[in-house]
């Protein structure tokens, strides 16, 4: 059974994120490590993904859409690896590709 819990150990969350994303980093020669990941997620709302009580993944988000609307922001931007299955998820929720390079899609979603 899959469940979620608020992250208690940010270093462990950064490590699991690094391990889960390692193939992307290696394929595209991205210079990321656990310390850099932890710095990037420190100010986000972070959750552990559990499978039968064991931590298997991490979610990091900052309620982007709600905050954008609340603050009157009319567009969100993100960057995703071209080989990531998350790309299709972002498309399904309304993000479109604005530009790309050899490694990433730069995407955005307009609200108004």
PDB file of N, CA and C in Angstrom:
ATOM      1  N   UNK A   1       0.836  -1.179   0.000  1.00  0.00           N
ATOM      2  CA  UNK A   1       0.000   0.000   0.000  1.00  0.00           C
ATOM      3  C   UNK A   1       0.885   1.248   0.000  1.00  0.00           C
ATOM      4  N   UNK A   2       0.540   2.199  -0.831  1.00  0.00           N
ATOM      5  CA  UNK A   2       1.286   3.459  -0.905  1.00  0.00           C
ATOM      6  C   UNK A   2       0.663   4.464   0.059  1.00  0.00           C
ATOM      7  N   UNK A   3       1.536   5.141   0.811  1.00  0.00           N
ATOM      8  CA  UNK A   3       1.095   6.202   1.709  1.00  0.00           C
ATOM      9  C   UNK A   3       2.145   7.309   1.698  1.00  0.00           C
ATOM     10  N   UNK A   4       1.848   8.391   2.409  1.00  0.00           N
ATOM     11  CA  UNK A   4       2.727   9.558   2.434  1.00  0.00           C
ATOM     12  C   UNK A   4       2.867  10.036   3.869  1.00  0.00           C
ATOM     13  N   UNK A   5       4.030  10.598   4.163  1.00  0.00           N
ATOM     14  CA  UNK A   5       4.239  11.226   5.461  1.00  0.00           C
ATOM     15  C   UNK A   5       5.122  12.448   5.272  1.00  0.00           C
ATOM     16  N   UNK A   6       4.902  13.452   6.109  1.00  0.00           N
ATOM     17  CA  UNK A   6       5.758  14.638   6.043  1.00  0.00           C
ATOM     18  C   UNK A   6       7.195  14.207   6.330  1.00  0.00           C
ATOM     19  N   UNK A   7       8.134  14.737   5.556  1.00  0.00           N
ATOM     20  CA  UNK A   7       9.542  14.375   5.684  1.00  0.00           C
ATOM     21  C   UNK A   7      10.090  14.841   7.028  1.00  0.00           C
ATOM     22  N   UNK A   8      10.725  13.915   7.729  1.00  0.00           N
ATOM     23  CA  UNK A   8      11.354  14.237   9.011  1.00  0.00           C
ATOM     24  C   UNK A   8      12.858  14.408   8.853  1.00  0.00           C
ATOM     25  N   UNK A   9      13.455  13.724   7.870  1.00  0.00           N
ATOM     26  CA  UNK A   9      14.901  13.748   7.657  1.00  0.00           C
ATOM     27  C   UNK A   9      15.184  14.239   6.238  1.00  0.00           C
ATOM     28  N   UNK A  10      15.449  15.534   6.107  1.00  0.00           N
ATOM     29  CA  UNK A  10      15.651  16.143   4.796  1.00  0.00           C
ATOM     30  C   UNK A  10      16.882  15.569   4.084  1.00  0.00           C
ATOM     31  N   UNK A  11      17.928  15.235   4.835  1.00  0.00           N
ATOM     32  CA  UNK A  11      19.113  14.635   4.217  1.00  0.00           C
ATOM     33  C   UNK A  11      18.786  13.281   3.598  1.00  0.00           C
ATOM     34  N   UNK A  12      17.993  12.480   4.293  1.00  0.00           N
ATOM     35  CA  UNK A  12      17.591  11.175   3.756  1.00  0.00           C
ATOM     36  C   UNK A  12      16.713  11.356   2.527  1.00  0.00           C
ATOM     37  N   UNK A  13      15.856  12.362   2.544  1.00  0.00           N
ATOM     38  CA  UNK A  13      15.006  12.646   1.388  1.00  0.00           C
ATOM     39  C   UNK A  13      15.846  13.059   0.188  1.00  0.00           C
ATOM     40  N   UNK A  14      16.856  13.896   0.424  1.00  0.00           N
ATOM     41  CA  UNK A  14      17.752  14.312  -0.659  1.00  0.00           C
ATOM     42  C   UNK A  14      18.501  13.111  -1.218  1.00  0.00           C
ATOM     43  N   UNK A  15      18.908  12.200  -0.351  1.00  0.00           N
ATOM     44  CA  UNK A  15      19.638  11.019  -0.800  1.00  0.00           C
ATOM     45  C   UNK A  15      18.752  10.131  -1.684  1.00  0.00           C
ATOM     46  N   UNK A  16      17.527   9.900  -1.257  1.00  0.00           N
ATOM     47  CA  UNK A  16      16.653   9.043  -2.060  1.00  0.00           C
ATOM     48  C   UNK A  16      16.302   9.724  -3.388  1.00  0.00           C
ATOM     49  N   UNK A  17      16.155  11.047  -3.366  1.00  0.00           N
ATOM     50  CA  UNK A  17      15.922  11.782  -4.615  1.00  0.00           C
ATOM     51  C   UNK A  17      17.121  11.621  -5.538  1.00  0.00           C
ATOM     52  N   UNK A  18      18.316  11.774  -4.995  1.00  0.00           N
ATOM     53  CA  UNK A  18      19.530  11.613  -5.793  1.00  0.00           C
ATOM     54  C   UNK A  18      19.603  10.211  -6.397  1.00  0.00           C
ATOM     55  N   UNK A  19      19.349   9.192  -5.570  1.00  0.00           N
ATOM     56  CA  UNK A  19      19.433   7.817  -6.065  1.00  0.00           C
ATOM     57  C   UNK A  19      18.382   7.540  -7.138  1.00  0.00           C
ATOM     58  N   UNK A  20      17.168   8.068  -6.950  1.00  0.00           N
ATOM     59  CA  UNK A  20      16.101   7.858  -7.932  1.00  0.00           C
ATOM     60  C   UNK A  20      16.349   8.625  -9.231  1.00  0.00           C
ATOM     61  N   UNK A  21      17.048   9.745  -9.157  1.00  0.00           N
ATOM     62  CA  UNK A  21      17.293  10.586 -10.335  1.00  0.00           C
ATOM     63  C   UNK A  21      18.681  10.384 -10.928  1.00  0.00           C
ATOM     64  N   UNK A  22      19.496   9.557 -10.310  1.00  0.00           N
ATOM     65  CA  UNK A  22      20.893   9.392 -10.698  1.00  0.00           C
ATOM     66  C   UNK A  22      21.085   9.103 -12.187  1.00  0.00           C
ATOM     67  N   UNK A  23      20.257   8.233 -12.761  1.00  0.00           N
ATOM     68  CA  UNK A  23      20.439   7.891 -14.179  1.00  0.00           C
ATOM     69  C   UNK A  23      20.253   9.119 -15.070  1.00  0.00           C
ATOM     70  N   UNK A  24      19.338  10.014 -14.696  1.00  0.00           N
ATOM     71  CA  UNK A  24      19.154  11.251 -15.463  1.00  0.00           C
ATOM     72  C   UNK A  24      20.392  12.144 -15.343  1.00  0.00           C
ATOM     73  N   UNK A  25      20.884  12.300 -14.110  1.00  0.00           N
ATOM     74  CA  UNK A  25      22.065  13.127 -13.883  1.00  0.00           C
ATOM     75  C   UNK A  25      23.265  12.594 -14.666  1.00  0.00           C
ATOM     76  N   UNK A  26      23.448  11.273 -14.630  1.00  0.00           N
ATOM     77  CA  UNK A  26      24.588  10.673 -15.325  1.00  0.00           C
ATOM     78  C   UNK A  26      24.444  10.780 -16.839  1.00  0.00           C
ATOM     79  N   UNK A  27      23.243  10.500 -17.351  1.00  0.00           N
ATOM     80  CA  UNK A  27      23.051  10.547 -18.799  1.00  0.00           C
ATOM     81  C   UNK A  27      23.322  11.937 -19.351  1.00  0.00           C
ATOM     82  N   UNK A  28      22.930  12.956 -18.612  1.00  0.00           N
ATOM     83  CA  UNK A  28      23.078  14.321 -19.096  1.00  0.00           C
ATOM     84  C   UNK A  28      24.231  15.079 -18.456  1.00  0.00           C
ATOM     85  N   UNK A  29      25.074  14.383 -17.711  1.00  0.00           N
ATOM     86  CA  UNK A  29      26.252  14.994 -17.072  1.00  0.00           C
ATOM     87  C   UNK A  29      25.878  16.211 -16.226  1.00  0.00           C
ATOM     88  N   UNK A  30      24.835  16.081 -15.437  1.00  0.00           N
ATOM     89  CA  UNK A  30      24.411  17.153 -14.534  1.00  0.00           C
ATOM     90  C   UNK A  30      25.159  16.990 -13.219  1.00  0.00           C
ATOM     91  N   UNK A  31      25.770  18.056 -12.768  1.00  0.00           N
ATOM     92  CA  UNK A  31      26.576  18.042 -11.550  1.00  0.00           C
ATOM     93  C   UNK A  31      25.700  18.263 -10.317  1.00  0.00           C
ATOM     94  N   UNK A  32      25.001  17.215  -9.877  1.00  0.00           N
ATOM     95  CA  UNK A  32      24.153  17.291  -8.696  1.00  0.00           C
ATOM     96  C   UNK A  32      24.648  16.295  -7.667  1.00  0.00           C
ATOM     97  N   UNK A  33      24.488  16.633  -6.412  1.00  0.00           N
ATOM     98  CA  UNK A  33      24.780  15.706  -5.332  1.00  0.00           C
ATOM     99  C   UNK A  33      23.741  15.925  -4.238  1.00  0.00           C
ATOM    100  N   UNK A  34      23.806  15.143  -3.194  1.00  0.00           N
ATOM    101  CA  UNK A  34      22.799  15.210  -2.129  1.00  0.00           C
ATOM    102  C   UNK A  34      22.756  16.573  -1.454  1.00  0.00           C
ATOM    103  N   UNK A  35      23.907  17.188  -1.282  1.00  0.00           N
ATOM    104  CA  UNK A  35      23.957  18.510  -0.639  1.00  0.00           C
ATOM    105  C   UNK A  35      23.203  19.544  -1.490  1.00  0.00           C
ATOM    106  N   UNK A  36      23.437  19.546  -2.798  1.00  0.00           N
ATOM    107  CA  UNK A  36      22.749  20.495  -3.685  1.00  0.00           C
ATOM    108  C   UNK A  36      21.245  20.250  -3.701  1.00  0.00           C
ATOM    109  N   UNK A  37      20.859  18.980  -3.710  1.00  0.00           N
ATOM    110  CA  UNK A  37      19.426  18.662  -3.699  1.00  0.00           C
ATOM    111  C   UNK A  37      18.794  19.154  -2.407  1.00  0.00           C
ATOM    112  N   UNK A  38      19.444  18.895  -1.291  1.00  0.00           N
ATOM    113  CA  UNK A  38      18.903  19.342  -0.002  1.00  0.00           C
ATOM    114  C   UNK A  38      18.744  20.860   0.033  1.00  0.00           C
ATOM    115  N   UNK A  39      19.711  21.583  -0.515  1.00  0.00           N
ATOM    116  CA  UNK A  39      19.600  23.049  -0.577  1.00  0.00           C
ATOM    117  C   UNK A  39      18.378  23.471  -1.379  1.00  0.00           C
ATOM    118  N   UNK A  40      18.087  22.755  -2.478  1.00  0.00           N
ATOM    119  CA  UNK A  40      16.971  23.112  -3.352  1.00  0.00           C
ATOM    120  C   UNK A  40      15.611  22.807  -2.727  1.00  0.00           C
ATOM    121  N   UNK A  41      15.532  21.778  -1.881  1.00  0.00           N
ATOM    122  CA  UNK A  41      14.232  21.376  -1.330  1.00  0.00           C
ATOM    123  C   UNK A  41      13.977  21.897   0.082  1.00  0.00           C
ATOM    124  N   UNK A  42      14.982  22.529   0.670  1.00  0.00           N
ATOM    125  CA  UNK A  42      14.883  22.973   2.069  1.00  0.00           C
ATOM    126  C   UNK A  42      13.637  23.826   2.345  1.00  0.00           C
ATOM    127  N   UNK A  43      13.278  24.725   1.450  1.00  0.00           N
ATOM    128  CA  UNK A  43      12.166  25.638   1.701  1.00  0.00           C
ATOM    129  C   UNK A  43      10.847  25.166   1.087  1.00  0.00           C
ATOM    130  N   UNK A  44      10.806  23.913   0.637  1.00  0.00           N
ATOM    131  CA  UNK A  44       9.592  23.355   0.050  1.00  0.00           C
ATOM    132  C   UNK A  44       8.856  22.511   1.079  1.00  0.00           C
ATOM    133  N   UNK A  45       7.625  22.168   0.770  1.00  0.00           N
ATOM    134  CA  UNK A  45       6.880  21.210   1.574  1.00  0.00           C
ATOM    135  C   UNK A  45       7.257  19.832   1.056  1.00  0.00           C
ATOM    136  N   UNK A  46       7.832  19.012   1.897  1.00  0.00           N
ATOM    137  CA  UNK A  46       8.389  17.724   1.476  1.00  0.00           C
ATOM    138  C   UNK A  46       7.662  16.560   2.140  1.00  0.00           C
ATOM    139  N   UNK A  47       7.399  15.530   1.348  1.00  0.00           N
ATOM    140  CA  UNK A  47       6.771  14.314   1.843  1.00  0.00           C
ATOM    141  C   UNK A  47       7.565  13.103   1.386  1.00  0.00           C
ATOM    142  N   UNK A  48       7.584  12.073   2.237  1.00  0.00           N
ATOM    143  CA  UNK A  48       8.146  10.781   1.868  1.00  0.00           C
ATOM    144  C   UNK A  48       7.032   9.955   1.244  1.00  0.00           C
ATOM    145  N   UNK A  49       7.374   9.176   0.233  1.00  0.00           N
ATOM    146  CA  UNK A  49       6.450   8.213  -0.351  1.00  0.00           C
ATOM    147  C   UNK A  49       6.796   6.862   0.260  1.00  0.00           C
ATOM    148  N   UNK A  50       5.803   6.220   0.863  1.00  0.00           N
ATOM    149  CA  UNK A  50       6.034   4.932   1.503  1.00  0.00           C
ATOM    150  C   UNK A  50       5.299   3.826   0.759  1.00  0.00           C
ATOM    151  N   UNK A  51       5.949   2.692   0.623  1.00  0.00           N
ATOM    152  CA  UNK A  51       5.337   1.493   0.068  1.00  0.00           C
ATOM    153  C   UNK A  51       5.380   0.454   1.172  1.00  0.00           C
ATOM    154  N   UNK A  52       4.200   0.100   1.668  1.00  0.00           N
ATOM    155  CA  UNK A  52       4.106  -0.845   2.783  1.00  0.00           C
ATOM    156  C   UNK A  52       4.967  -0.411   3.964  1.00  0.00           C
ATOM    157  N   UNK A  53       4.950   0.901   4.250  1.00  0.00           N
ATOM    158  CA  UNK A  53       5.661   1.438   5.401  1.00  0.00           C
ATOM    159  C   UNK A  53       7.130   1.752   5.184  1.00  0.00           C
ATOM    160  N   UNK A  54       7.682   1.416   4.025  1.00  0.00           N
ATOM    161  CA  UNK A  54       9.095   1.675   3.728  1.00  0.00           C
ATOM    162  C   UNK A  54       9.223   2.868   2.782  1.00  0.00           C
ATOM    163  N   UNK A  55      10.120   3.804   3.108  1.00  0.00           N
ATOM    164  CA  UNK A  55      10.317   4.981   2.265  1.00  0.00           C
ATOM    165  C   UNK A  55      10.961   4.559   0.954  1.00  0.00           C
ATOM    166  N   UNK A  56      10.272   4.879  -0.154  1.00  0.00           N
ATOM    167  CA  UNK A  56      10.774   4.511  -1.486  1.00  0.00           C
ATOM    168  C   UNK A  56      10.939   5.717  -2.406  1.00  0.00           C
ATOM    169  N   UNK A  57      10.467   6.880  -1.993  1.00  0.00           N
ATOM    170  CA  UNK A  57      10.563   8.055  -2.840  1.00  0.00           C
ATOM    171  C   UNK A  57      10.270   9.311  -2.053  1.00  0.00           C
ATOM    172  N   UNK A  58      10.320  10.436  -2.752  1.00  0.00           N
ATOM    173  CA  UNK A  58      10.112  11.731  -2.109  1.00  0.00           C
ATOM    174  C   UNK A  58       9.315  12.639  -3.026  1.00  0.00           C
ATOM    175  N   UNK A  59       8.496  13.462  -2.412  1.00  0.00           N
ATOM    176  CA  UNK A  59       7.776  14.517  -3.117  1.00  0.00           C
ATOM    177  C   UNK A  59       8.195  15.845  -2.511  1.00  0.00           C
ATOM    178  N   UNK A  60       8.462  16.824  -3.355  1.00  0.00           N
ATOM    179  CA  UNK A  60       8.799  18.161  -2.867  1.00  0.00           C
ATOM    180  C   UNK A  60       8.002  19.161  -3.679  1.00  0.00           C
ATOM    181  N   UNK A  61       7.195  19.948  -3.013  1.00  0.00           N
ATOM    182  CA  UNK A  61       6.413  20.940  -3.711  1.00  0.00           C
ATOM    183  C   UNK A  61       6.080  22.079  -2.763  1.00  0.00           C
ATOM    184  N   UNK A  62       5.627  23.172  -3.323  1.00  0.00           N
ATOM    185  CA  UNK A  62       5.331  24.356  -2.499  1.00  0.00           C
ATOM    186  C   UNK A  62       3.953  24.890  -2.823  1.00  0.00           C
ATOM    187  N   UNK A  63       3.016  24.008  -3.115  1.00  0.00           N
ATOM    188  CA  UNK A  63       1.654  24.418  -3.437  1.00  0.00           C
ATOM    189  C   UNK A  63       1.662  25.504  -4.501  1.00  0.00           C
ATOM    190  N   UNK A  64       2.427  25.261  -5.529  1.00  0.00           N
ATOM    191  CA  UNK A  64       2.714  26.273  -6.542  1.00  0.00           C
ATOM    192  C   UNK A  64       1.477  26.896  -7.171  1.00  0.00           C
ATOM    193  N   UNK A  65       0.562  26.086  -7.633  1.00  0.00           N
ATOM    194  CA  UNK A  65      -0.596  26.650  -8.321  1.00  0.00           C
ATOM    195  C   UNK A  65      -1.439  27.504  -7.381  1.00  0.00           C
ATOM    196  N   UNK A  66      -1.706  27.002  -6.167  1.00  0.00           N
ATOM    197  CA  UNK A  66      -2.512  27.765  -5.213  1.00  0.00           C
ATOM    198  C   UNK A  66      -1.845  29.093  -4.876  1.00  0.00           C
ATOM    199  N   UNK A  67      -0.543  29.045  -4.617  1.00  0.00           N
ATOM    200  CA  UNK A  67       0.170  30.270  -4.286  1.00  0.00           C
ATOM    201  C   UNK A  67       0.224  31.231  -5.473  1.00  0.00           C
ATOM    202  N   UNK A  68       0.403  30.699  -6.660  1.00  0.00           N
ATOM    203  CA  UNK A  68       0.451  31.557  -7.849  1.00  0.00           C
ATOM    204  C   UNK A  68      -0.856  32.315  -8.010  1.00  0.00           C
ATOM    205  N   UNK A  69      -1.960  31.595  -7.895  1.00  0.00           N
ATOM    206  CA  UNK A  69      -3.271  32.237  -8.027  1.00  0.00           C
ATOM    207  C   UNK A  69      -3.472  33.247  -6.908  1.00  0.00           C
ATOM    208  N   UNK A  70      -3.135  32.867  -5.685  1.00  0.00           N
ATOM    209  CA  UNK A  70      -3.287  33.755  -4.525  1.00  0.00           C
ATOM    210  C   UNK A  70      -2.484  35.048  -4.689  1.00  0.00           C
ATOM    211  N   UNK A  71      -1.303  34.934  -5.282  1.00  0.00           N
ATOM    212  CA  UNK A  71      -0.431  36.099  -5.455  1.00  0.00           C
ATOM    213  C   UNK A  71      -0.665  36.847  -6.766  1.00  0.00           C
ATOM    214  N   UNK A  72      -1.589  36.350  -7.581  1.00  0.00           N
ATOM    215  CA  UNK A  72      -1.871  37.002  -8.840  1.00  0.00           C
ATOM    216  C   UNK A  72      -0.873  36.693  -9.941  1.00  0.00           C
ATOM    217  N   UNK A  73      -0.060  35.665  -9.748  1.00  0.00           N
ATOM    218  CA  UNK A  73       0.884  35.245 -10.785  1.00  0.00           C
ATOM    219  C   UNK A  73       0.098  34.541 -11.875  1.00  0.00           C
ATOM    220  N   UNK A  74       0.405  34.839 -13.125  1.00  0.00           N
ATOM    221  CA  UNK A  74      -0.399  34.240 -14.187  1.00  0.00           C
ATOM    222  C   UNK A  74       0.299  33.104 -14.920  1.00  0.00           C
ATOM    223  N   UNK A  75       1.541  32.770 -14.518  1.00  0.00           N
ATOM    224  CA  UNK A  75       2.233  31.683 -15.213  1.00  0.00           C
ATOM    225  C   UNK A  75       3.285  31.032 -14.313  1.00  0.00           C
ATOM    226  N   UNK A  76       3.308  29.700 -14.323  1.00  0.00           N
ATOM    227  CA  UNK A  76       4.346  28.936 -13.642  1.00  0.00           C
ATOM    228  C   UNK A  76       5.290  28.357 -14.680  1.00  0.00           C
ATOM    229  N   UNK A  77       6.558  28.259 -14.321  1.00  0.00           N
ATOM    230  CA  UNK A  77       7.567  27.669 -15.209  1.00  0.00           C
ATOM    231  C   UNK A  77       8.267  26.537 -14.477  1.00  0.00           C
ATOM    232  N   UNK A  78       8.700  25.533 -15.248  1.00  0.00           N
ATOM    233  CA  UNK A  78       9.470  24.441 -14.688  1.00  0.00           C
ATOM    234  C   UNK A  78      10.418  23.900 -15.741  1.00  0.00           C
ATOM    235  N   UNK A  79      11.348  23.088 -15.276  1.00  0.00           N
ATOM    236  CA  UNK A  79      12.294  22.438 -16.178  1.00  0.00           C
ATOM    237  C   UNK A  79      12.305  20.955 -15.822  1.00  0.00           C
ATOM    238  N   UNK A  80      12.210  20.102 -16.840  1.00  0.00           N
ATOM    239  CA  UNK A  80      12.155  18.662 -16.622  1.00  0.00           C
ATOM    240  C   UNK A  80      13.070  17.963 -17.627  1.00  0.00           C
ATOM    241  N   UNK A  81      13.746  16.902 -17.181  1.00  0.00           N
ATOM    242  CA  UNK A  81      14.571  16.123 -18.099  1.00  0.00           C
ATOM    243  C   UNK A  81      13.707  15.580 -19.234  1.00  0.00           C
ATOM    244  N   UNK A  82      14.235  15.602 -20.442  1.00  0.00           N
ATOM    245  CA  UNK A  82      13.508  15.082 -21.597  1.00  0.00           C
ATOM    246  C   UNK A  82      13.160  13.606 -21.437  1.00  0.00           C
ATOM    247  N   UNK A  83      14.005  12.851 -20.779  1.00  0.00           N
ATOM    248  CA  UNK A  83      13.754  11.418 -20.642  1.00  0.00           C
ATOM    249  C   UNK A  83      12.884  11.068 -19.432  1.00  0.00           C
ATOM    250  N   UNK A  84      12.459  12.064 -18.674  1.00  0.00           N
ATOM    251  CA  UNK A  84      11.676  11.812 -17.471  1.00  0.00           C
ATOM    252  C   UNK A  84      10.206  11.542 -17.812  1.00  0.00           C
ATOM    253  N   UNK A  85       9.630  10.507 -17.208  1.00  0.00           N
ATOM    254  CA  UNK A  85       8.200  10.273 -17.403  1.00  0.00           C
ATOM    255  C   UNK A  85       7.344  11.396 -16.817  1.00  0.00           C
ATOM    256  N   UNK A  86       7.920  12.219 -15.941  1.00  0.00           N
ATOM    257  CA  UNK A  86       7.182  13.350 -15.378  1.00  0.00           C
ATOM    258  C   UNK A  86       6.763  14.335 -16.465  1.00  0.00           C
ATOM    259  N   UNK A  87       7.494  14.348 -17.571  1.00  0.00           N
ATOM    260  CA  UNK A  87       7.145  15.241 -18.682  1.00  0.00           C
ATOM    261  C   UNK A  87       5.687  15.054 -19.092  1.00  0.00           C
ATOM    262  N   UNK A  88       5.245  13.817 -19.247  1.00  0.00           N
ATOM    263  CA  UNK A  88       3.856  13.532 -19.656  1.00  0.00           C
ATOM    264  C   UNK A  88       2.865  13.966 -18.571  1.00  0.00           C
ATOM    265  N   UNK A  89       3.245  13.809 -17.319  1.00  0.00           N
ATOM    266  CA  UNK A  89       2.387  14.265 -16.228  1.00  0.00           C
ATOM    267  C   UNK A  89       2.172  15.768 -16.316  1.00  0.00           C
ATOM    268  N   UNK A  90       3.256  16.509 -16.507  1.00  0.00           N
ATOM    269  CA  UNK A  90       3.137  17.964 -16.609  1.00  0.00           C
ATOM    270  C   UNK A  90       2.263  18.364 -17.790  1.00  0.00           C
ATOM    271  N   UNK A  91       2.395  17.662 -18.909  1.00  0.00           N
ATOM    272  CA  UNK A  91       1.530  17.940 -20.063  1.00  0.00           C
ATOM    273  C   UNK A  91       0.064  17.704 -19.708  1.00  0.00           C
ATOM    274  N   UNK A  92      -0.203  16.599 -19.027  1.00  0.00           N
ATOM    275  CA  UNK A  92      -1.599  16.264 -18.674  1.00  0.00           C
ATOM    276  C   UNK A  92      -2.236  17.313 -17.769  1.00  0.00           C
ATOM    277  N   UNK A  93      -1.442  17.973 -16.937  1.00  0.00           N
ATOM    278  CA  UNK A  93      -2.013  18.973 -16.032  1.00  0.00           C
ATOM    279  C   UNK A  93      -1.933  20.390 -16.599  1.00  0.00           C
ATOM    280  N   UNK A  94      -1.592  20.509 -17.894  1.00  0.00           N
ATOM    281  CA  UNK A  94      -1.701  21.798 -18.552  1.00  0.00           C
ATOM    282  C   UNK A  94      -0.424  22.545 -18.866  1.00  0.00           C
ATOM    283  N   UNK A  95       0.740  21.984 -18.545  1.00  0.00           N
ATOM    284  CA  UNK A  95       1.994  22.643 -18.905  1.00  0.00           C
ATOM    285  C   UNK A  95       2.292  22.404 -20.381  1.00  0.00           C
ATOM    286  N   UNK A  96       2.901  23.399 -21.015  1.00  0.00           N
ATOM    287  CA  UNK A  96       3.308  23.285 -22.420  1.00  0.00           C
ATOM    288  C   UNK A  96       4.799  23.584 -22.536  1.00  0.00           C
ATOM    289  N   UNK A  97       5.416  23.022 -23.579  1.00  0.00           N
ATOM    290  CA  UNK A  97       6.842  23.238 -23.807  1.00  0.00           C
ATOM    291  C   UNK A  97       7.051  24.609 -24.437  1.00  0.00           C
ATOM    292  N   UNK A  98       7.864  25.428 -23.788  1.00  0.00           N
ATOM    293  CA  UNK A  98       8.218  26.749 -24.313  1.00  0.00           C
ATOM    294  C   UNK A  98       9.517  26.691 -25.102  1.00  0.00           C
ATOM    295  N   UNK A  99      10.456  25.875 -24.636  1.00  0.00           N
ATOM    296  CA  UNK A  99      11.741  25.720 -25.307  1.00  0.00           C
ATOM    297  C   UNK A  99      12.386  24.447 -24.784  1.00  0.00           C
ATOM    298  N   UNK A 100      13.486  24.075 -25.415  1.00  0.00           N
ATOM    299  CA  UNK A 100      14.202  22.892 -24.946  1.00  0.00           C
ATOM    300  C   UNK A 100      15.668  23.000 -25.344  1.00  0.00           C
ATOM    301  N   UNK A 101      16.478  22.174 -24.707  1.00  0.00           N
ATOM    302  CA  UNK A 101      17.875  22.039 -25.105  1.00  0.00           C
ATOM    303  C   UNK A 101      18.162  20.550 -25.198  1.00  0.00           C
ATOM    304  N   UNK A 102      19.404  20.171 -25.190  1.00  0.00           N
ATOM    305  CA  UNK A 102      19.712  18.753 -25.364  1.00  0.00           C
ATOM    306  C   UNK A 102      19.299  17.896 -24.173  1.00  0.00           C
ATOM    307  N   UNK A 103      19.076  18.493 -22.992  1.00  0.00           N
ATOM    308  CA  UNK A 103      18.723  17.729 -21.791  1.00  0.00           C
ATOM    309  C   UNK A 103      17.329  17.984 -21.253  1.00  0.00           C
ATOM    310  N   UNK A 104      16.849  19.211 -21.384  1.00  0.00           N
ATOM    311  CA  UNK A 104      15.636  19.621 -20.673  1.00  0.00           C
ATOM    312  C   UNK A 104      14.552  20.183 -21.585  1.00  0.00           C
ATOM    313  N   UNK A 105      13.308  20.047 -21.105  1.00  0.00           N
ATOM    314  CA  UNK A 105      12.187  20.829 -21.624  1.00  0.00           C
ATOM    315  C   UNK A 105      11.945  21.951 -20.624  1.00  0.00           C
ATOM    316  N   UNK A 106      11.773  23.165 -21.108  1.00  0.00           N
ATOM    317  CA  UNK A 106      11.352  24.296 -20.293  1.00  0.00           C
ATOM    318  C   UNK A 106       9.865  24.451 -20.555  1.00  0.00           C
ATOM    319  N   UNK A 107       9.076  24.316 -19.502  1.00  0.00           N
ATOM    320  CA  UNK A 107       7.628  24.291 -19.653  1.00  0.00           C
ATOM    321  C   UNK A 107       6.986  25.394 -18.823  1.00  0.00           C
ATOM    322  N   UNK A 108       5.750  25.742 -19.197  1.00  0.00           N
ATOM    323  CA  UNK A 108       5.009  26.724 -18.413  1.00  0.00           C
ATOM    324  C   UNK A 108       3.520  26.409 -18.475  1.00  0.00           C
ATOM    325  N   UNK A 109       2.815  26.975 -17.533  1.00  0.00           N
ATOM    326  CA  UNK A 109       1.350  26.842 -17.463  1.00  0.00           C
ATOM    327  C   UNK A 109       0.779  28.200 -17.124  1.00  0.00           C
ATOM    328  N   UNK A 110      -0.158  28.647 -17.965  1.00  0.00           N
ATOM    329  CA  UNK A 110      -0.817  29.932 -17.737  1.00  0.00           C
ATOM    330  C   UNK A 110      -2.111  29.707 -16.973  1.00  0.00           C
ATOM    331  N   UNK A 111      -2.449  30.667 -16.121  1.00  0.00           N
ATOM    332  CA  UNK A 111      -3.668  30.573 -15.304  1.00  0.00           C
ATOM    333  C   UNK A 111      -4.776  31.497 -15.776  1.00  0.00           C
ATOM    334  N   UNK A 112      -4.423  32.635 -16.356  1.00  0.00           N
ATOM    335  CA  UNK A 112      -5.464  33.603 -16.722  1.00  0.00           C
ATOM    336  C   UNK A 112      -5.418  33.876 -18.199  1.00  0.00           C
TER     337      UNK A 112
END
